[in-house]
Protein backbone atom coordinates (compact mmCIF):
# COMPACT_ATOMS: atom_id res chain seq x y z
CA MET A 1 0.01 0.00 0.03
CA THR A 2 1.32 3.38 -0.98
CA LEU A 3 0.14 6.17 1.35
CA THR A 4 0.57 9.81 0.37
CA ALA A 5 -0.39 12.94 2.23
CA GLU A 6 -0.04 16.35 0.78
CA PRO A 7 -0.50 19.70 2.64
CA VAL A 8 -2.20 22.53 0.86
CA ASN A 9 0.48 24.16 -1.31
CA SER A 10 -0.28 25.76 -4.67
CA ALA A 11 3.05 24.54 -6.04
CA HIS A 12 2.01 20.88 -5.49
CA ILE A 13 -1.75 20.73 -6.06
CA SER A 14 -3.69 20.55 -9.31
CA ASP A 15 -5.37 23.57 -10.86
CA ASP A 16 -8.88 22.57 -9.66
CA THR A 17 -7.79 22.78 -6.09
CA ALA A 18 -5.43 25.84 -6.38
CA GLY A 19 -6.36 28.99 -4.58
CA VAL A 20 -7.38 27.43 -1.27
CA PHE A 21 -5.60 30.20 0.61
CA ASP A 22 -7.46 32.74 -1.51
CA ARG A 23 -10.95 31.58 -0.55
CA ALA A 24 -11.70 34.71 1.43
CA ASP A 25 -15.40 33.95 1.66
CA TYR A 26 -14.65 30.99 3.89
CA LEU A 27 -11.40 32.14 5.55
CA ARG A 28 -12.09 35.74 6.12
CA ASP A 29 -12.06 35.50 10.00
CA TYR A 30 -10.18 32.50 11.45
CA PRO A 31 -8.01 30.87 8.79
CA HIS A 32 -7.71 27.08 8.72
CA GLU A 33 -4.73 25.62 10.59
CA GLN A 34 -4.21 22.63 8.30
CA VAL A 35 -5.66 21.04 5.13
CA SER A 36 -4.28 17.67 4.11
CA PHE A 37 -4.94 15.68 0.94
CA PHE A 38 -4.65 11.91 1.11
CA GLN A 39 -4.55 9.40 -1.66
CA ASP A 40 -4.18 5.60 -1.67
CA PRO A 41 -4.18 4.32 -5.39
CA ALA A 42 -4.57 0.66 -4.26
CA SER A 43 -7.93 1.13 -2.57
CA GLY A 44 -9.01 4.14 -4.63
CA LEU A 45 -9.12 6.47 -1.65
CA LYS A 46 -8.99 10.24 -2.24
CA ALA A 47 -9.70 12.17 0.94
CA ILE A 48 -9.27 15.65 2.36
CA VAL A 49 -9.03 16.48 6.00
CA ALA A 50 -9.47 20.07 7.07
CA ILE A 51 -8.52 21.30 10.60
CA HIS A 52 -9.98 24.72 11.04
CA SER A 53 -9.11 25.27 14.72
CA THR A 54 -7.78 23.47 17.79
CA THR A 55 -8.14 26.47 20.15
CA LEU A 56 -10.76 24.71 22.30
CA GLY A 57 -9.38 21.30 21.91
CA PRO A 58 -8.60 18.64 19.17
CA ALA A 59 -10.62 19.18 15.95
CA LEU A 60 -13.50 16.82 15.73
CA GLY A 61 -15.95 16.34 12.77
CA GLY A 62 -17.41 13.60 10.72
CA THR A 63 -16.19 12.02 7.51
CA ARG A 64 -18.46 12.76 4.56
CA PHE A 65 -18.33 10.06 1.77
CA TYR A 66 -19.82 11.71 -1.26
CA PRO A 67 -19.49 11.69 -5.09
CA TYR A 68 -18.44 15.28 -5.60
CA ALA A 69 -18.42 16.62 -9.21
CA ASP A 70 -14.82 17.55 -8.91
CA GLU A 71 -12.06 18.04 -6.38
CA SER A 72 -12.67 21.83 -6.14
CA SER A 73 -16.21 21.09 -4.98
CA ALA A 74 -14.89 18.73 -2.26
CA VAL A 75 -12.42 21.38 -1.12
CA THR A 76 -15.12 23.92 -0.84
CA ASP A 77 -17.33 21.54 1.18
CA VAL A 78 -14.57 20.42 3.67
CA LEU A 79 -13.51 24.03 4.22
CA ARG A 80 -17.05 25.26 4.95
CA LEU A 81 -17.94 22.13 7.08
CA SER A 82 -14.80 22.35 9.23
CA ARG A 83 -15.28 25.97 9.92
CA GLY A 84 -18.81 25.27 10.95
CA MET A 85 -17.58 22.58 13.37
CA THR A 86 -15.46 25.11 15.19
CA TYR A 87 -18.46 27.34 15.81
CA LYS A 88 -20.72 24.35 16.58
CA ALA A 89 -18.34 23.16 19.23
CA ALA A 90 -18.01 26.61 20.70
CA VAL A 91 -21.70 27.20 20.92
CA ALA A 92 -22.31 23.72 22.19
CA GLY A 93 -19.96 24.22 25.04
CA VAL A 94 -17.79 21.20 24.32
CA ASP A 95 -13.93 21.33 24.65
CA LEU A 96 -13.33 20.56 20.98
CA GLY A 97 -12.07 22.33 17.93
CA GLY A 98 -13.42 22.21 14.37
CA GLY A 99 -12.41 19.69 11.74
CA LYS A 100 -14.00 17.72 8.91
CA ALA A 101 -13.09 15.21 6.31
CA VAL A 102 -14.46 14.24 2.94
CA ILE A 103 -13.91 11.11 0.92
CA ILE A 104 -14.49 11.60 -2.76
CA GLY A 105 -16.58 8.83 -4.33
CA ASP A 106 -19.85 7.08 -4.30
CA PRO A 107 -20.17 5.15 -1.07
CA ALA A 108 -22.54 2.66 -2.70
CA THR A 109 -19.79 1.49 -5.07
CA ALA A 110 -16.45 2.81 -3.79
CA LYS A 111 -16.68 1.96 -0.11
CA SER A 112 -14.58 -1.05 1.00
CA THR A 113 -12.81 -2.35 4.04
CA GLU A 114 -9.44 -1.60 2.27
CA LEU A 115 -10.44 2.01 1.51
CA LEU A 116 -11.61 2.57 5.11
CA GLY A 117 -8.47 0.93 6.46
CA ALA A 118 -6.32 3.28 4.34
CA TYR A 119 -8.26 6.24 5.52
CA ALA A 120 -7.81 5.17 9.14
CA LYS A 121 -3.99 5.18 8.69
CA PHE A 122 -4.20 8.70 7.37
CA VAL A 123 -6.19 9.90 10.33
CA GLN A 124 -3.66 8.18 12.67
CA THR A 125 -0.81 10.23 10.99
CA LEU A 126 -2.40 13.44 12.24
CA GLY A 127 -1.60 12.41 15.77
CA GLY A 128 -4.96 13.27 17.41
CA ARG A 129 -5.23 16.82 16.02
CA TYR A 130 -8.22 15.44 14.16
CA ILE A 131 -10.82 13.05 15.55
CA THR A 132 -13.28 11.55 13.11
CA ALA A 133 -16.91 10.61 13.41
CA GLY A 134 -19.81 9.69 11.00
CA ASP A 135 -21.44 11.95 8.40
CA VAL A 136 -23.28 11.66 5.14
CA GLY A 137 -22.15 8.33 3.57
CA THR A 138 -20.59 6.88 6.66
CA ASN A 139 -22.09 5.05 9.62
CA SER A 140 -21.12 3.36 12.88
CA ASP A 141 -20.28 0.08 11.08
CA ASP A 142 -17.80 2.03 8.94
CA LEU A 143 -16.36 3.70 12.05
CA ASP A 144 -15.85 0.25 13.62
CA VAL A 145 -13.59 -0.53 10.68
CA ILE A 146 -11.87 2.82 10.88
CA GLY A 147 -11.32 2.28 14.57
CA LEU A 148 -9.17 -0.82 13.82
CA GLY A 149 -6.58 1.47 12.27
CA THR A 150 -6.68 4.67 14.37
CA ASP A 151 -7.17 5.65 18.00
CA PHE A 152 -8.92 8.85 16.96
CA VAL A 153 -12.45 7.90 16.11
CA VAL A 154 -15.83 8.29 17.89
CA GLY A 155 -19.34 7.16 17.14
CA ARG A 156 -18.61 3.44 16.78
CA ASN A 157 -21.21 0.85 17.67
CA ALA A 158 -21.54 0.10 21.46
CA LYS A 159 -19.98 -3.37 20.95
CA ALA A 160 -16.86 -1.70 19.61
CA GLY A 161 -16.66 0.71 22.58
CA GLY A 162 -18.50 3.63 21.05
CA SER A 163 -21.82 5.38 21.77
CA GLY A 164 -23.59 4.28 18.57
CA ASP A 165 -25.42 6.28 15.86
CA SER A 166 -25.51 9.95 16.62
CA ALA A 167 -28.65 10.55 14.47
CA PRO A 168 -31.19 10.34 17.30
CA MET A 169 -29.25 12.99 19.35
CA THR A 170 -28.83 15.15 16.31
CA ALA A 171 -32.49 15.02 15.57
CA LEU A 172 -33.27 15.81 19.31
CA GLY A 173 -31.19 18.88 19.08
CA VAL A 174 -32.89 20.06 15.92
CA PHE A 175 -36.30 19.38 17.53
CA GLN A 176 -35.34 21.42 20.60
CA SER A 177 -34.13 24.21 18.31
CA LEU A 178 -37.44 24.15 16.41
CA LEU A 179 -39.44 24.32 19.63
CA ALA A 180 -37.33 27.35 20.75
CA ALA A 181 -37.88 29.01 17.35
CA ALA A 182 -41.66 28.29 17.58
CA GLN A 183 -41.68 29.81 21.05
CA ALA A 184 -39.92 32.96 19.79
CA HIS A 185 -41.94 33.31 16.67
CA TRP A 186 -45.50 32.27 17.70
CA GLY A 187 -45.24 32.58 21.49
CA SER A 188 -45.79 28.84 21.96
CA ARG A 189 -43.59 25.84 21.63
CA ASP A 190 -46.66 23.62 20.86
CA LEU A 191 -46.42 22.28 17.23
CA THR A 192 -49.99 20.94 17.22
CA GLY A 193 -51.53 21.82 13.86
CA LYS A 194 -48.27 23.21 12.47
CA THR A 195 -47.15 21.91 9.10
CA VAL A 196 -43.52 20.99 8.85
CA GLY A 197 -41.74 20.13 5.61
CA VAL A 198 -38.81 17.67 6.22
CA GLU A 199 -36.40 17.79 3.31
CA GLY A 200 -34.18 14.59 3.60
CA THR A 201 -35.49 11.52 5.31
CA GLY A 202 -32.29 9.79 6.05
CA LYS A 203 -30.94 8.93 9.51
CA VAL A 204 -31.59 12.38 11.05
CA GLY A 205 -34.59 13.33 9.05
CA TYR A 206 -36.30 10.01 9.95
CA GLU A 207 -35.75 10.57 13.69
CA LEU A 208 -36.93 14.16 13.42
CA ILE A 209 -40.19 13.07 11.70
CA LYS A 210 -40.78 10.67 14.64
CA LEU A 211 -40.39 13.53 17.17
CA LEU A 212 -42.58 15.89 15.09
CA LEU A 213 -45.40 13.51 14.78
CA ALA A 214 -45.38 12.80 18.52
CA ASP A 215 -45.71 16.49 19.13
CA GLY A 216 -48.81 16.81 17.02
CA ALA A 217 -47.23 18.35 13.83
CA THR A 218 -48.48 17.61 10.29
CA VAL A 219 -45.52 16.39 8.30
CA LEU A 220 -44.59 16.62 4.61
CA ALA A 221 -41.48 14.85 3.43
CA THR A 222 -39.24 14.49 0.41
CA ASP A 223 -35.95 12.81 -0.43
CA VAL A 224 -34.04 11.81 -3.60
CA ASN A 225 -33.39 8.45 -1.98
CA THR A 226 -36.30 6.16 -2.81
CA ALA A 227 -35.32 3.67 -0.13
CA ALA A 228 -35.38 6.28 2.57
CA LEU A 229 -38.87 7.49 1.43
CA GLU A 230 -40.19 3.92 1.41
CA ARG A 231 -39.09 3.53 5.05
CA VAL A 232 -40.99 6.72 5.95
CA LYS A 233 -44.07 5.53 4.13
CA ALA A 234 -43.99 2.19 5.87
CA ASP A 235 -43.34 3.48 9.35
CA PHE A 236 -45.25 6.80 9.25
CA PRO A 237 -48.21 6.39 6.85
CA GLN A 238 -49.65 9.66 8.04
CA VAL A 239 -46.70 11.60 6.46
CA GLN A 240 -47.43 13.10 3.08
CA ILE A 241 -44.73 12.34 0.55
CA VAL A 242 -44.17 15.19 -1.95
CA ASP A 243 -41.73 15.99 -4.69
CA SER A 244 -40.54 19.27 -2.98
CA VAL A 245 -41.14 20.81 0.40
CA ILE A 246 -39.21 24.13 0.14
CA ASP A 247 -41.93 25.65 -2.06
CA ALA A 248 -44.90 23.97 -0.27
CA ASP A 249 -47.44 25.70 2.02
CA LEU A 250 -45.60 25.23 5.30
CA ASP A 251 -45.21 26.69 8.72
CA VAL A 252 -41.79 25.17 9.19
CA TYR A 253 -39.15 24.27 6.59
CA ALA A 254 -36.73 21.64 8.02
CA PRO A 255 -33.79 21.09 5.63
CA CYS A 256 -32.08 17.86 6.64
CA ALA A 257 -30.26 16.84 3.45
CA MET A 258 -27.32 18.48 1.75
CA GLY A 259 -26.92 22.19 2.30
CA ALA A 260 -27.15 25.35 0.04
CA THR A 261 -30.96 25.18 -0.45
CA LEU A 262 -31.56 28.63 0.82
CA SER A 263 -30.56 31.10 -2.00
CA HIS A 264 -31.75 34.66 -2.71
CA THR A 265 -34.42 33.12 -5.05
CA SER A 266 -35.73 30.54 -2.59
CA ALA A 267 -35.58 32.94 0.40
CA GLU A 268 -37.83 35.37 -1.54
CA ALA A 269 -40.28 32.62 -2.40
CA ILE A 270 -40.50 30.32 0.68
CA ALA A 271 -43.80 30.35 2.59
CA ALA A 272 -42.54 28.88 5.82
CA ALA A 273 -42.40 31.29 8.79
CA VAL A 274 -39.64 29.25 10.57
CA ILE A 275 -36.67 27.52 9.11
CA CYS A 276 -34.80 24.92 11.25
CA GLY A 277 -33.09 21.79 10.17
CA ALA A 278 -30.09 19.52 10.40
CA ALA A 279 -28.47 20.36 7.07
CA ASN A 280 -25.06 22.08 7.25
CA ASN A 281 -24.33 25.32 5.39
CA GLN A 282 -27.99 25.94 4.47
CA LEU A 283 -27.39 29.49 3.07
CA THR A 284 -25.74 29.75 -0.32
CA GLU A 285 -24.09 32.95 1.02
CA PRO A 286 -24.46 34.74 4.25
CA GLU A 287 -26.46 37.64 2.81
CA VAL A 288 -29.40 35.27 2.24
CA GLU A 289 -30.20 35.51 5.97
CA SER A 290 -30.96 39.20 5.44
CA VAL A 291 -33.67 38.35 2.89
CA LEU A 292 -35.22 35.95 5.36
CA SER A 293 -35.04 38.48 8.18
CA GLU A 294 -36.61 41.18 6.07
CA ARG A 295 -39.55 38.81 5.34
CA GLY A 296 -40.04 38.20 9.04
CA ILE A 297 -38.81 34.52 8.83
CA THR A 298 -37.19 33.06 11.86
CA TRP A 299 -34.01 31.04 10.90
CA VAL A 300 -32.06 28.97 13.38
CA PRO A 301 -28.38 28.91 12.42
CA ASP A 302 -27.63 25.37 11.24
CA TYR A 303 -24.53 24.78 13.28
CA VAL A 304 -26.50 25.50 16.47
CA ALA A 305 -29.46 23.38 15.58
CA ASN A 306 -27.48 20.32 14.60
CA GLY A 307 -25.16 20.25 17.51
CA GLY A 308 -26.74 17.22 19.25
CA GLY A 309 -24.55 14.63 17.48
CA LEU A 310 -21.38 16.52 18.38
CA ILE A 311 -22.47 16.71 22.02
CA GLN A 312 -23.03 12.85 22.04
CA VAL A 313 -19.56 11.99 20.65
CA ALA A 314 -17.88 14.63 22.87
CA GLY A 315 -19.60 12.95 25.79
CA GLU A 316 -18.14 9.64 24.52
CA LEU A 317 -14.64 11.05 24.86
CA LYS A 318 -15.48 12.02 28.55
CA GLU A 319 -17.38 8.79 29.27
CA HIS A 320 -20.65 10.55 29.95
CA THR A 321 -23.78 8.44 30.40
CA ALA A 322 -26.60 8.42 27.91
CA GLU A 323 -28.73 10.38 30.38
CA GLN A 324 -25.97 13.04 30.77
CA VAL A 325 -25.76 13.43 27.05
CA ARG A 326 -29.50 13.71 26.46
CA ALA A 327 -29.78 16.34 29.18
CA GLN A 328 -27.05 18.45 27.54
CA VAL A 329 -28.66 18.06 24.08
CA GLU A 330 -32.02 19.23 25.44
CA LYS A 331 -30.25 22.44 26.66
CA ILE A 332 -29.94 23.42 22.96
CA PHE A 333 -33.44 24.81 23.52
CA ASP A 334 -31.99 27.28 25.96
CA THR A 335 -29.00 28.11 23.61
CA VAL A 336 -31.38 28.88 20.67
CA THR A 337 -33.70 30.90 22.99
CA GLU A 338 -30.65 32.94 24.04
CA ILE A 339 -29.41 33.46 20.54
CA LEU A 340 -32.83 34.57 19.14
CA ALA A 341 -33.32 36.88 22.12
CA LYS A 342 -29.90 38.44 21.64
CA ALA A 343 -30.63 39.02 17.86
CA LYS A 344 -33.95 40.74 18.69
CA ALA A 345 -32.56 42.88 21.48
CA GLU A 346 -29.53 44.01 19.49
CA ALA A 347 -31.32 44.25 16.09
CA ILE A 348 -28.86 41.83 14.51
CA LEU A 349 -29.32 38.68 12.53
CA ALA A 350 -29.49 35.35 14.36
CA GLY A 351 -26.40 34.13 12.50
CA ASP A 352 -24.43 37.11 13.76
CA ALA A 353 -25.80 36.54 17.28
CA ALA A 354 -24.70 32.91 17.20
CA ASP A 355 -21.21 33.75 15.76
CA ALA A 356 -20.84 36.30 18.63
CA VAL A 357 -21.55 33.65 21.26
CA ALA A 358 -19.07 31.24 19.66
CA GLU A 359 -16.43 33.85 19.12
CA ALA A 360 -16.65 35.02 22.61
CA ARG A 361 -15.94 31.58 23.93
CA ILE A 362 -13.02 31.09 21.50
CA ALA A 363 -11.56 34.49 22.43
CA GLN A 364 -11.82 33.63 26.13
CA ALA A 365 -9.86 30.37 25.54
CA VAL A 366 -7.12 32.37 23.65
CA ARG A 367 -6.97 34.84 26.55
CA SER A 368 -6.69 32.04 29.13
CA ARG A 369 -4.00 30.35 27.07
CA THR A 370 -2.02 33.55 26.69
CA ALA A 371 -2.35 34.38 30.43
CA SER A 372 -1.01 30.93 31.41
């Protein structure tokens, strides 16, 4: 097996990944500490690990296995996702930094024990600066395999020493965020009679639907994955399956698939009064939030809403019980309430309010480190 790892250096990377240091829209505040490209020709592995910050602790973030159109798209995704993990960890109150990894390829055809083993060896070479977990295209079974080759992995199955699938806790965090947004927008956290459109019915979307129905909401759902939709149909026959939810007549839009569904165009057209979901990087650009705000739409910053999974795996590192983890995830309701109240009191966007909370914690850590 030939293992290669290349740092970001425009003299050594192909044209479609050049200019990483010039992506000012992603690196305008805190620049990434490290971005590494990994390749193993024998298994077909092509992976990128981005470490955004280790100020609060080792960088933790999931491994996304996805058939990107090109390497440039993969770089963009890993840069944005890893930065988001820094802010997510800071707001969630866990002692972790922000990192993320992407594996380029279709997990349905490219995933193999050999590929995951090669990836594990690369993670190990980072010496604990990056800890991996699951994400789109990877699951606890995959993490069990990865765990055979590296010490720096969380989210494995319980039989392998992990805390298991993080989807239920991620969904619980989104649900608590949605309740806080409903309280702020309508004056009540009761979702009875509210219509919620869930976009993406995979692991997290499925669990969210379960919580929404139990709370009395009417649910519409969509997904490009036929198997995921069939599971929802079988388990929740009361859910209405539609081709699209973002343009439906909704009270709440819950994006739980890939990000970037909220553009200037969709923000101007969407009927929902509240937007809260598990998808990362929901806005195509930060300015889209201004459009939502001007229309009186309450948006919960994605990295705040989807922090439940991170809280779970952070708890795994500290050997917290399931009850302790659940209690901390449920506190996301208080965090979102604080952020939305701060936005209203200071006449700023919710995204800016959330960033301010995260940046204050990071700044405090820097001051404490400097003082010591």
